[in-house]
Amino acid sequence: MNSLIKRFLGFSFGQWSIAMLMISMFSGVFLIVPYDVNQPFASIISFSIQNSFALFFRNLHYWSSQLFLIFTDHLIQKSESKIKHGLWFRLVLSILVIYLVMLSGFLLKGDADSQQAWEILHFLSSSIPYIGETLAYFLLGDQSSNLLVPYIHHVATFSIIIIFIIFEHSK
């Protein structure tokens, strides 16, 4: 499949992955201003109706993120078996972080589905013995935080981790 994309489009999965990551982050910057953590669903509805540019950047952000996830498939190809064990561990960790950033983005919608997902994730993570409550609070915050903790992780923490690991791998 990778050779098929190279032949028709001239780029590898890794190059497409980095391009989609950059588009996702670029479009995400434009969503920071109109997004309100205290009223997430209302802010999304508001800028979707009133601001066509914000709606364009929201869709661009969503679809480039989805494509970034698809193009990270190149991490599991046989050609990736010749890298050092430490880098391989960080790449596997980056897959977990990619899913966490996408999951936090889903939670930030603030609709009924994302609220229910927040409750399920909070219950599941807090059920882990010994570290569950701390992990749930670290990843999701509490009910009174109004999605501030997942927002900070989505915008900063997880994104920075992904950037460092992906660019280290791309050398």
Protein backbone atom coordinates (compact mmCIF):
# COMPACT_ATOMS: atom_id res chain seq x y z
CA MET A 1 0.00 0.00 0.00
CA ASN A 2 2.85 2.38 0.83
CA SER A 3 4.41 1.84 -2.62
CA LEU A 4 1.02 2.51 -4.19
CA ILE A 5 0.80 5.90 -2.52
CA LYS A 6 4.44 6.65 -3.40
CA ARG A 7 3.83 5.79 -7.03
CA PHE A 8 0.67 7.89 -7.41
CA LEU A 9 1.33 10.75 -5.05
CA GLY A 10 5.09 10.74 -4.58
CA PHE A 11 5.05 10.68 -0.78
CA SER A 12 5.39 8.00 1.86
CA PHE A 13 3.01 7.31 4.74
CA GLY A 14 5.43 9.06 7.09
CA GLN A 15 5.46 12.21 4.98
CA TRP A 16 1.67 12.21 4.76
CA SER A 17 1.47 11.60 8.48
CA ILE A 18 3.62 14.63 9.28
CA ALA A 19 1.70 16.76 6.77
CA MET A 20 -1.63 15.81 8.33
CA LEU A 21 -0.24 16.47 11.81
CA MET A 22 0.87 19.96 10.76
CA ILE A 23 -2.49 20.72 9.12
CA SER A 24 -4.31 19.47 12.20
CA MET A 25 -2.22 21.61 14.52
CA PHE A 26 -2.43 24.67 12.25
CA SER A 27 -6.21 24.42 12.04
CA GLY A 28 -6.45 23.73 15.77
CA VAL A 29 -4.80 27.07 16.52
CA PHE A 30 -7.74 28.82 14.84
CA LEU A 31 -10.18 26.91 17.02
CA ILE A 32 -8.62 27.95 20.32
CA VAL A 33 -10.07 31.48 20.22
CA PRO A 34 -13.78 30.76 19.59
CA TYR A 35 -13.89 27.65 21.81
CA ASP A 36 -15.26 28.17 25.32
CA VAL A 37 -14.35 25.46 27.83
CA ASN A 38 -17.18 26.49 30.16
CA GLN A 39 -19.82 26.06 27.44
CA PRO A 40 -18.28 23.71 24.87
CA PHE A 41 -21.38 22.62 23.01
CA ALA A 42 -22.79 26.15 22.83
CA SER A 43 -19.50 27.55 21.57
CA ILE A 44 -19.23 24.91 18.85
CA ILE A 45 -22.81 25.54 17.75
CA SER A 46 -22.21 29.28 17.86
CA PHE A 47 -19.12 29.34 15.69
CA SER A 48 -20.53 26.68 13.39
CA ILE A 49 -23.54 28.85 12.64
CA GLN A 50 -22.07 32.33 12.82
CA ASN A 51 -18.54 31.88 11.51
CA SER A 52 -18.01 29.90 8.33
CA PHE A 53 -14.21 30.17 8.64
CA ALA A 54 -14.32 28.57 12.10
CA LEU A 55 -16.51 25.80 10.71
CA PHE A 56 -14.02 25.28 7.87
CA PHE A 57 -11.11 25.06 10.33
CA ARG A 58 -13.08 22.71 12.59
CA ASN A 59 -13.72 20.34 9.68
CA LEU A 60 -10.13 20.69 8.48
CA HIS A 61 -8.93 19.92 12.01
CA TYR A 62 -11.17 16.87 12.30
CA TRP A 63 -10.38 15.32 8.93
CA SER A 64 -6.65 15.99 9.01
CA SER A 65 -6.56 14.37 12.46
CA GLN A 66 -8.38 11.33 11.14
CA LEU A 67 -5.97 11.07 8.22
CA PHE A 68 -3.02 11.50 10.58
CA LEU A 69 -4.28 8.49 12.53
CA ILE A 70 -4.63 6.47 9.33
CA PHE A 71 -1.16 7.40 8.05
CA THR A 72 0.54 6.41 11.30
CA ASP A 73 -0.02 2.86 10.06
CA HIS A 74 3.51 3.04 8.64
CA LEU A 75 4.81 2.54 12.20
CA ILE A 76 3.91 -1.15 12.10
CA GLN A 77 5.48 -2.04 8.77
CA LYS A 78 8.41 -4.45 8.52
CA SER A 79 10.78 -1.67 7.49
CA GLU A 80 10.38 -0.18 10.95
CA SER A 81 11.95 -3.21 12.66
CA LYS A 82 15.52 -1.89 12.29
CA ILE A 83 15.24 0.95 14.78
CA LYS A 84 16.56 1.08 18.33
CA HIS A 85 14.53 -0.39 21.17
CA GLY A 86 14.16 2.95 22.97
CA LEU A 87 12.77 4.66 19.89
CA TRP A 88 10.50 1.69 19.22
CA PHE A 89 9.11 1.99 22.76
CA ARG A 90 8.49 5.73 22.27
CA LEU A 91 6.73 5.04 18.95
CA VAL A 92 4.43 2.51 20.57
CA LEU A 93 3.81 5.03 23.35
CA SER A 94 3.05 7.65 20.70
CA ILE A 95 0.23 5.48 19.33
CA LEU A 96 -1.34 5.53 22.79
CA VAL A 97 -0.88 9.31 22.97
CA ILE A 98 -2.41 9.73 19.49
CA TYR A 99 -5.50 7.87 20.66
CA LEU A 100 -5.59 9.97 23.83
CA VAL A 101 -5.42 13.24 21.89
CA MET A 102 -8.19 12.08 19.57
CA LEU A 103 -10.28 10.89 22.50
CA SER A 104 -9.81 14.20 24.30
CA GLY A 105 -10.89 15.97 21.11
CA PHE A 106 -14.06 13.88 21.10
CA LEU A 107 -14.70 14.79 24.73
CA LEU A 108 -14.33 18.50 23.94
CA LYS A 109 -17.46 18.49 21.77
CA GLY A 110 -19.53 18.77 24.93
CA ASP A 111 -22.58 17.01 23.51
CA ALA A 112 -24.47 14.15 25.15
CA ASP A 113 -22.27 11.48 23.56
CA SER A 114 -19.06 13.08 24.75
CA GLN A 115 -20.46 13.63 28.25
CA GLN A 116 -21.38 9.97 28.46
CA ALA A 117 -17.94 9.01 27.14
CA TRP A 118 -16.36 11.22 29.83
CA GLU A 119 -18.33 9.42 32.53
CA ILE A 120 -17.42 5.99 31.17
CA LEU A 121 -13.73 6.89 30.87
CA HIS A 122 -13.73 8.40 34.34
CA PHE A 123 -15.30 5.26 35.79
CA LEU A 124 -12.96 2.91 33.92
CA SER A 125 -9.79 4.82 34.71
CA SER A 126 -10.71 5.36 38.35
CA SER A 127 -11.35 1.61 38.69
CA ILE A 128 -7.66 0.81 38.12
CA PRO A 129 -6.20 -0.39 41.42
CA TYR A 130 -3.85 1.94 43.32
CA ILE A 131 -3.48 4.66 40.67
CA GLY A 132 -7.01 4.86 39.26
CA GLU A 133 -8.30 7.95 41.04
CA THR A 134 -5.11 9.89 40.39
CA LEU A 135 -5.03 8.80 36.74
CA ALA A 136 -8.68 9.74 36.22
CA TYR A 137 -8.12 13.15 37.76
CA PHE A 138 -4.94 13.70 35.73
CA LEU A 139 -6.51 12.74 32.39
CA LEU A 140 -10.10 13.94 32.82
CA GLY A 141 -10.26 16.28 35.79
CA ASP A 142 -13.45 16.23 37.77
CA GLN A 143 -17.04 17.18 36.97
CA SER A 144 -16.53 20.76 38.14
CA SER A 145 -13.53 21.44 35.85
CA ASN A 146 -15.76 21.93 32.77
CA LEU A 147 -13.47 19.98 30.44
CA LEU A 148 -10.52 22.23 31.27
CA VAL A 149 -8.17 19.31 31.98
CA PRO A 150 -8.95 17.39 28.74
CA TYR A 151 -8.70 20.71 26.88
CA ILE A 152 -5.22 21.43 28.24
CA HIS A 153 -4.10 17.90 27.43
CA HIS A 154 -5.58 18.10 23.93
CA VAL A 155 -4.09 21.48 23.11
CA ALA A 156 -0.74 21.18 24.82
CA THR A 157 0.36 18.02 26.61
CA PHE A 158 -0.52 15.28 24.15
CA SER A 159 0.22 17.41 21.10
CA ILE A 160 3.71 18.29 22.32
CA ILE A 161 4.47 14.64 23.10
CA ILE A 162 3.33 13.61 19.62
CA ILE A 163 5.45 16.31 17.97
CA PHE A 164 8.60 15.25 19.80
CA ILE A 165 8.16 11.54 19.12
CA ILE A 166 7.10 11.88 15.48
CA PHE A 167 9.91 14.28 14.60
CA GLU A 168 12.44 12.13 16.45
CA HIS A 169 11.26 9.17 14.37
CA SER A 170 11.34 11.14 11.12
CA LYS A 171 15.10 11.81 11.33
